[in-house]
Amino acid sequence: IPPLPEKTEVFICTSPIKKYRYCPYEKFAWIEKHFGHKFLEHVILTRDKTIVSGHVLIDDRPDIIGVERTPTWEHVLFTACHNKHLQLPASCHRLHSWADDWKAILESKRTC
């Protein structure tokens, strides 16, 4: 992971595929391989991301719905093949890749 602004905590919040029993294992294995064993402590496995508290949720899914109608986080859409055609309102953020200025989005939340 590239250096992050001070006092930034990063978690991976992921939803397992319901009908694939190996999905949670494969997600944890991927995270351990790419981020190391210690980062497994920063994984939140949930079917409802709206109940997770945070400032920013970067996700490729354009419609994150759940129990909470107004989650605590701001949804930033990460561009993927299934959502690149979507037009977002001017007030919404989109990351086309990790080369985009994601740090500016984090910093903007810090000043709120």
N, C-alpha and C. Protein backbone atom coordinates (compact mmCIF):
# COMPACT_ATOMS: atom_id res chain seq x y z
N ILE A 1 0.85 -1.17 0.00
CA ILE A 1 0.00 0.00 0.00
C ILE A 1 0.90 1.23 0.00
N PRO A 2 0.61 2.20 -0.86
CA PRO A 2 1.41 3.43 -0.86
C PRO A 2 1.20 4.20 0.44
N PRO A 3 2.12 5.09 0.78
CA PRO A 3 1.97 5.86 2.02
C PRO A 3 0.64 6.63 2.04
N LEU A 4 0.01 6.63 3.19
CA LEU A 4 -1.29 7.29 3.36
C LEU A 4 -1.14 8.52 4.23
N PRO A 5 -2.07 9.45 4.11
CA PRO A 5 -2.04 10.61 5.01
C PRO A 5 -2.09 10.15 6.46
N GLU A 6 -1.51 10.96 7.35
CA GLU A 6 -1.50 10.61 8.77
C GLU A 6 -2.90 10.34 9.29
N LYS A 7 -2.97 9.45 10.27
CA LYS A 7 -4.23 9.11 10.94
C LYS A 7 -5.29 8.55 9.99
N THR A 8 -4.86 7.88 8.96
CA THR A 8 -5.80 7.25 8.03
C THR A 8 -5.82 5.75 8.30
N GLU A 9 -6.98 5.23 8.60
CA GLU A 9 -7.15 3.80 8.79
C GLU A 9 -7.84 3.24 7.56
N VAL A 10 -7.29 2.17 7.02
CA VAL A 10 -7.84 1.55 5.82
C VAL A 10 -8.36 0.16 6.18
N PHE A 11 -9.58 -0.10 5.75
CA PHE A 11 -10.17 -1.42 5.90
C PHE A 11 -10.68 -1.87 4.55
N ILE A 12 -10.68 -3.15 4.33
CA ILE A 12 -11.31 -3.72 3.14
C ILE A 12 -12.66 -4.25 3.59
N CYS A 13 -13.70 -3.67 3.05
CA CYS A 13 -15.07 -4.08 3.35
C CYS A 13 -15.58 -4.82 2.13
N THR A 14 -15.83 -6.09 2.27
CA THR A 14 -16.17 -6.91 1.11
C THR A 14 -17.40 -7.77 1.39
N SER A 15 -18.16 -8.00 0.34
CA SER A 15 -19.37 -8.82 0.43
C SER A 15 -19.13 -10.13 -0.31
N PRO A 16 -19.30 -11.25 0.38
CA PRO A 16 -19.11 -12.53 -0.30
C PRO A 16 -20.27 -12.85 -1.24
N ILE A 17 -19.98 -13.57 -2.28
CA ILE A 17 -21.02 -14.05 -3.19
C ILE A 17 -21.85 -15.08 -2.43
N LYS A 18 -23.15 -14.90 -2.42
CA LYS A 18 -24.02 -15.73 -1.59
C LYS A 18 -23.98 -17.22 -1.93
N LYS A 19 -23.94 -17.55 -3.20
CA LYS A 19 -24.08 -18.95 -3.60
C LYS A 19 -22.75 -19.64 -3.89
N TYR A 20 -21.65 -19.05 -3.40
CA TYR A 20 -20.34 -19.66 -3.64
C TYR A 20 -19.64 -19.79 -2.30
N ARG A 21 -19.62 -21.00 -1.77
CA ARG A 21 -19.16 -21.19 -0.39
C ARG A 21 -17.67 -20.93 -0.19
N TYR A 22 -16.88 -20.94 -1.24
CA TYR A 22 -15.44 -20.71 -1.10
C TYR A 22 -15.08 -19.22 -1.21
N CYS A 23 -16.05 -18.39 -1.49
CA CYS A 23 -15.80 -16.97 -1.70
C CYS A 23 -15.08 -16.30 -0.52
N PRO A 24 -15.56 -16.44 0.72
CA PRO A 24 -14.85 -15.79 1.83
C PRO A 24 -13.39 -16.24 1.93
N TYR A 25 -13.15 -17.54 1.81
CA TYR A 25 -11.78 -18.05 1.88
C TYR A 25 -10.92 -17.42 0.78
N GLU A 26 -11.44 -17.37 -0.44
CA GLU A 26 -10.66 -16.83 -1.55
C GLU A 26 -10.39 -15.33 -1.38
N LYS A 27 -11.34 -14.61 -0.82
CA LYS A 27 -11.12 -13.18 -0.56
C LYS A 27 -10.00 -12.99 0.46
N PHE A 28 -10.04 -13.74 1.55
CA PHE A 28 -8.99 -13.64 2.57
C PHE A 28 -7.63 -14.07 2.01
N ALA A 29 -7.61 -15.11 1.20
CA ALA A 29 -6.36 -15.58 0.60
C ALA A 29 -5.76 -14.52 -0.32
N TRP A 30 -6.61 -13.85 -1.10
CA TRP A 30 -6.14 -12.80 -2.00
C TRP A 30 -5.55 -11.64 -1.21
N ILE A 31 -6.24 -11.23 -0.16
CA ILE A 31 -5.77 -10.11 0.66
C ILE A 31 -4.45 -10.46 1.33
N GLU A 32 -4.34 -11.66 1.86
CA GLU A 32 -3.08 -12.07 2.50
C GLU A 32 -1.94 -12.09 1.49
N LYS A 33 -2.20 -12.57 0.30
CA LYS A 33 -1.17 -12.63 -0.74
C LYS A 33 -0.69 -11.24 -1.15
N HIS A 34 -1.61 -10.30 -1.31
CA HIS A 34 -1.27 -8.98 -1.84
C HIS A 34 -0.92 -7.94 -0.77
N PHE A 35 -1.43 -8.10 0.45
CA PHE A 35 -1.20 -7.10 1.50
C PHE A 35 -0.49 -7.66 2.73
N GLY A 36 -0.38 -8.98 2.82
CA GLY A 36 0.29 -9.58 3.96
C GLY A 36 -0.69 -10.05 5.03
N HIS A 37 -0.20 -10.96 5.86
CA HIS A 37 -1.03 -11.58 6.90
C HIS A 37 -1.59 -10.56 7.89
N LYS A 38 -0.78 -9.57 8.25
CA LYS A 38 -1.22 -8.59 9.25
C LYS A 38 -2.44 -7.79 8.79
N PHE A 39 -2.57 -7.58 7.48
CA PHE A 39 -3.70 -6.79 6.97
C PHE A 39 -5.03 -7.53 7.11
N LEU A 40 -5.00 -8.83 7.35
CA LEU A 40 -6.25 -9.59 7.52
C LEU A 40 -7.06 -9.05 8.70
N GLU A 41 -6.39 -8.38 9.64
CA GLU A 41 -7.10 -7.77 10.77
C GLU A 41 -7.94 -6.57 10.33
N HIS A 42 -7.73 -6.11 9.11
CA HIS A 42 -8.44 -4.94 8.58
C HIS A 42 -9.48 -5.31 7.53
N VAL A 43 -10.00 -6.52 7.62
CA VAL A 43 -11.01 -6.99 6.67
C VAL A 43 -12.36 -7.06 7.37
N ILE A 44 -13.36 -6.48 6.73
CA ILE A 44 -14.73 -6.55 7.22
C ILE A 44 -15.53 -7.31 6.17
N LEU A 45 -16.02 -8.47 6.55
CA LEU A 45 -16.80 -9.31 5.65
C LEU A 45 -18.27 -9.15 6.03
N THR A 46 -19.06 -8.57 5.13
CA THR A 46 -20.46 -8.30 5.43
C THR A 46 -21.28 -8.32 4.15
N ARG A 47 -22.54 -8.67 4.27
CA ARG A 47 -23.44 -8.60 3.12
C ARG A 47 -24.08 -7.21 3.01
N ASP A 48 -23.99 -6.42 4.08
CA ASP A 48 -24.59 -5.09 4.08
C ASP A 48 -23.54 -4.04 4.46
N LYS A 49 -22.98 -3.38 3.47
CA LYS A 49 -21.94 -2.38 3.71
C LYS A 49 -22.49 -1.10 4.32
N THR A 50 -23.81 -0.91 4.26
CA THR A 50 -24.38 0.33 4.80
C THR A 50 -24.29 0.40 6.32
N ILE A 51 -24.11 -0.73 6.99
CA ILE A 51 -24.04 -0.73 8.45
C ILE A 51 -22.61 -0.50 8.96
N VAL A 52 -21.65 -0.44 8.06
CA VAL A 52 -20.26 -0.22 8.44
C VAL A 52 -20.02 1.28 8.53
N SER A 53 -19.42 1.70 9.64
CA SER A 53 -19.15 3.12 9.85
C SER A 53 -17.82 3.51 9.23
N GLY A 54 -17.77 4.67 8.58
CA GLY A 54 -16.54 5.15 7.98
C GLY A 54 -16.78 6.49 7.32
N HIS A 55 -15.74 7.02 6.69
CA HIS A 55 -15.84 8.31 6.01
C HIS A 55 -16.02 8.15 4.50
N VAL A 56 -15.30 7.19 3.93
CA VAL A 56 -15.32 6.99 2.48
C VAL A 56 -15.41 5.49 2.20
N LEU A 57 -16.25 5.11 1.25
CA LEU A 57 -16.30 3.74 0.76
C LEU A 57 -16.03 3.80 -0.74
N ILE A 58 -14.91 3.24 -1.14
CA ILE A 58 -14.57 3.17 -2.57
C ILE A 58 -15.00 1.80 -3.04
N ASP A 59 -15.92 1.78 -4.00
CA ASP A 59 -16.52 0.51 -4.42
C ASP A 59 -16.88 0.59 -5.90
N ASP A 60 -16.80 -0.55 -6.58
CA ASP A 60 -17.16 -0.57 -8.01
C ASP A 60 -18.65 -0.78 -8.24
N ARG A 61 -19.36 -1.06 -7.20
CA ARG A 61 -20.81 -1.25 -7.34
C ARG A 61 -21.50 0.11 -7.26
N PRO A 62 -22.29 0.46 -8.26
CA PRO A 62 -22.89 1.80 -8.27
C PRO A 62 -24.06 1.97 -7.29
N ASP A 63 -24.69 0.88 -6.92
CA ASP A 63 -25.86 0.97 -6.05
C ASP A 63 -25.66 0.12 -4.80
N ILE A 64 -25.19 0.73 -3.76
CA ILE A 64 -24.98 0.02 -2.51
C ILE A 64 -26.17 0.32 -1.61
N ILE A 65 -26.99 -0.70 -1.42
CA ILE A 65 -28.20 -0.53 -0.62
C ILE A 65 -28.18 -1.52 0.53
N GLY A 66 -28.87 -1.15 1.58
CA GLY A 66 -28.93 -2.00 2.75
C GLY A 66 -29.88 -1.42 3.78
N VAL A 67 -29.68 -1.81 5.01
CA VAL A 67 -30.54 -1.40 6.11
C VAL A 67 -30.49 0.11 6.33
N GLU A 68 -29.30 0.68 6.30
CA GLU A 68 -29.14 2.12 6.54
C GLU A 68 -29.42 2.91 5.26
N ARG A 69 -30.40 3.78 5.31
CA ARG A 69 -30.73 4.60 4.13
C ARG A 69 -29.67 5.67 3.89
N THR A 70 -29.04 6.15 4.96
CA THR A 70 -27.99 7.17 4.83
C THR A 70 -26.76 6.69 5.58
N PRO A 71 -25.91 5.90 4.93
CA PRO A 71 -24.69 5.42 5.58
C PRO A 71 -23.80 6.58 6.01
N THR A 72 -22.89 6.32 6.93
CA THR A 72 -22.00 7.37 7.43
C THR A 72 -20.94 7.75 6.40
N TRP A 73 -20.68 6.88 5.44
CA TRP A 73 -19.61 7.11 4.47
C TRP A 73 -20.13 7.73 3.19
N GLU A 74 -19.18 8.37 2.47
CA GLU A 74 -19.47 8.87 1.12
C GLU A 74 -19.05 7.78 0.14
N HIS A 75 -19.91 7.44 -0.77
CA HIS A 75 -19.61 6.42 -1.77
C HIS A 75 -18.82 7.04 -2.92
N VAL A 76 -17.66 6.49 -3.18
CA VAL A 76 -16.84 6.88 -4.34
C VAL A 76 -16.85 5.70 -5.29
N LEU A 77 -17.33 5.91 -6.50
CA LEU A 77 -17.44 4.82 -7.47
C LEU A 77 -16.09 4.57 -8.14
N PHE A 78 -15.60 3.34 -8.01
CA PHE A 78 -14.36 2.94 -8.67
C PHE A 78 -14.74 2.36 -10.04
N THR A 79 -14.16 2.90 -11.08
CA THR A 79 -14.52 2.50 -12.43
C THR A 79 -14.13 1.05 -12.71
N ALA A 80 -15.09 0.33 -13.28
CA ALA A 80 -14.89 -1.05 -13.72
C ALA A 80 -15.69 -1.22 -15.01
N CYS A 81 -15.47 -2.33 -15.70
CA CYS A 81 -16.12 -2.54 -17.00
C CYS A 81 -17.65 -2.47 -16.90
N HIS A 82 -18.21 -2.87 -15.77
CA HIS A 82 -19.67 -2.90 -15.63
C HIS A 82 -20.28 -1.55 -15.22
N ASN A 83 -19.46 -0.53 -14.94
CA ASN A 83 -20.04 0.75 -14.53
C ASN A 83 -19.47 1.96 -15.27
N LYS A 84 -18.53 1.74 -16.18
CA LYS A 84 -17.87 2.88 -16.82
C LYS A 84 -18.81 3.71 -17.69
N HIS A 85 -19.93 3.15 -18.10
CA HIS A 85 -20.90 3.87 -18.93
C HIS A 85 -21.82 4.78 -18.11
N LEU A 86 -21.83 4.63 -16.80
CA LEU A 86 -22.76 5.39 -15.95
C LEU A 86 -22.33 6.84 -15.81
N GLN A 87 -23.30 7.72 -15.92
CA GLN A 87 -23.07 9.15 -15.67
C GLN A 87 -23.40 9.43 -14.21
N LEU A 88 -22.50 10.08 -13.51
CA LEU A 88 -22.71 10.40 -12.11
C LEU A 88 -23.08 11.87 -11.94
N PRO A 89 -23.87 12.17 -10.93
CA PRO A 89 -24.14 13.59 -10.64
C PRO A 89 -22.83 14.31 -10.31
N ALA A 90 -22.79 15.60 -10.53
CA ALA A 90 -21.57 16.38 -10.30
C ALA A 90 -21.08 16.29 -8.86
N SER A 91 -21.98 16.04 -7.93
CA SER A 91 -21.61 15.97 -6.51
C SER A 91 -20.94 14.65 -6.13
N CYS A 92 -20.96 13.68 -7.02
CA CYS A 92 -20.38 12.36 -6.73
C CYS A 92 -18.95 12.27 -7.23
N HIS A 93 -18.15 11.47 -6.53
CA HIS A 93 -16.77 11.24 -6.93
C HIS A 93 -16.65 9.90 -7.65
N ARG A 94 -15.69 9.84 -8.56
CA ARG A 94 -15.37 8.61 -9.27
C ARG A 94 -13.86 8.50 -9.35
N LEU A 95 -13.36 7.30 -9.13
CA LEU A 95 -11.94 7.00 -9.36
C LEU A 95 -11.86 6.11 -10.58
N HIS A 96 -11.12 6.54 -11.58
CA HIS A 96 -10.97 5.72 -12.78
C HIS A 96 -9.90 4.66 -12.58
N SER A 97 -8.94 4.95 -11.71
CA SER A 97 -7.88 3.99 -11.37
C SER A 97 -7.22 4.47 -10.08
N TRP A 98 -6.31 3.67 -9.56
CA TRP A 98 -5.60 4.09 -8.35
C TRP A 98 -4.59 5.19 -8.66
N ALA A 99 -4.38 5.48 -9.94
CA ALA A 99 -3.51 6.60 -10.32
C ALA A 99 -4.23 7.94 -10.15
N ASP A 100 -5.57 7.92 -10.05
CA ASP A 100 -6.34 9.15 -9.79
C ASP A 100 -5.99 9.69 -8.40
N ASP A 101 -6.41 10.89 -8.13
CA ASP A 101 -6.06 11.55 -6.87
C ASP A 101 -6.99 11.14 -5.73
N TRP A 102 -6.88 9.91 -5.29
CA TRP A 102 -7.70 9.41 -4.20
C TRP A 102 -7.34 10.08 -2.88
N LYS A 103 -6.09 10.52 -2.75
CA LYS A 103 -5.69 11.18 -1.50
C LYS A 103 -6.45 12.49 -1.32
N ALA A 104 -6.74 13.19 -2.41
CA ALA A 104 -7.50 14.44 -2.31
C ALA A 104 -8.91 14.18 -1.78
N ILE A 105 -9.50 13.06 -2.17
CA ILE A 105 -10.83 12.70 -1.66
C ILE A 105 -10.76 12.46 -0.16
N LEU A 106 -9.73 11.74 0.28
CA LEU A 106 -9.57 11.51 1.72
C LEU A 106 -9.37 12.82 2.47
N GLU A 107 -8.53 13.68 1.93
CA GLU A 107 -8.27 14.96 2.58
C GLU A 107 -9.52 15.83 2.65
N SER A 108 -10.37 15.77 1.62
CA SER A 108 -11.59 16.58 1.64
C SER A 108 -12.52 16.13 2.76
N LYS A 109 -12.50 14.86 3.10
CA LYS A 109 -13.33 14.35 4.19
C LYS A 109 -12.76 14.76 5.54
N ARG A 110 -11.46 14.96 5.60
CA ARG A 110 -10.79 15.35 6.84
C ARG A 110 -11.17 16.77 7.27
N THR A 111 -11.47 17.62 6.30
CA THR A 111 -11.78 19.02 6.61
C THR A 111 -13.24 19.22 6.98
N CYS A 112 -14.06 18.19 6.84
CA CYS A 112 -15.49 18.31 7.17
C CYS A 112 -15.72 18.29 8.67
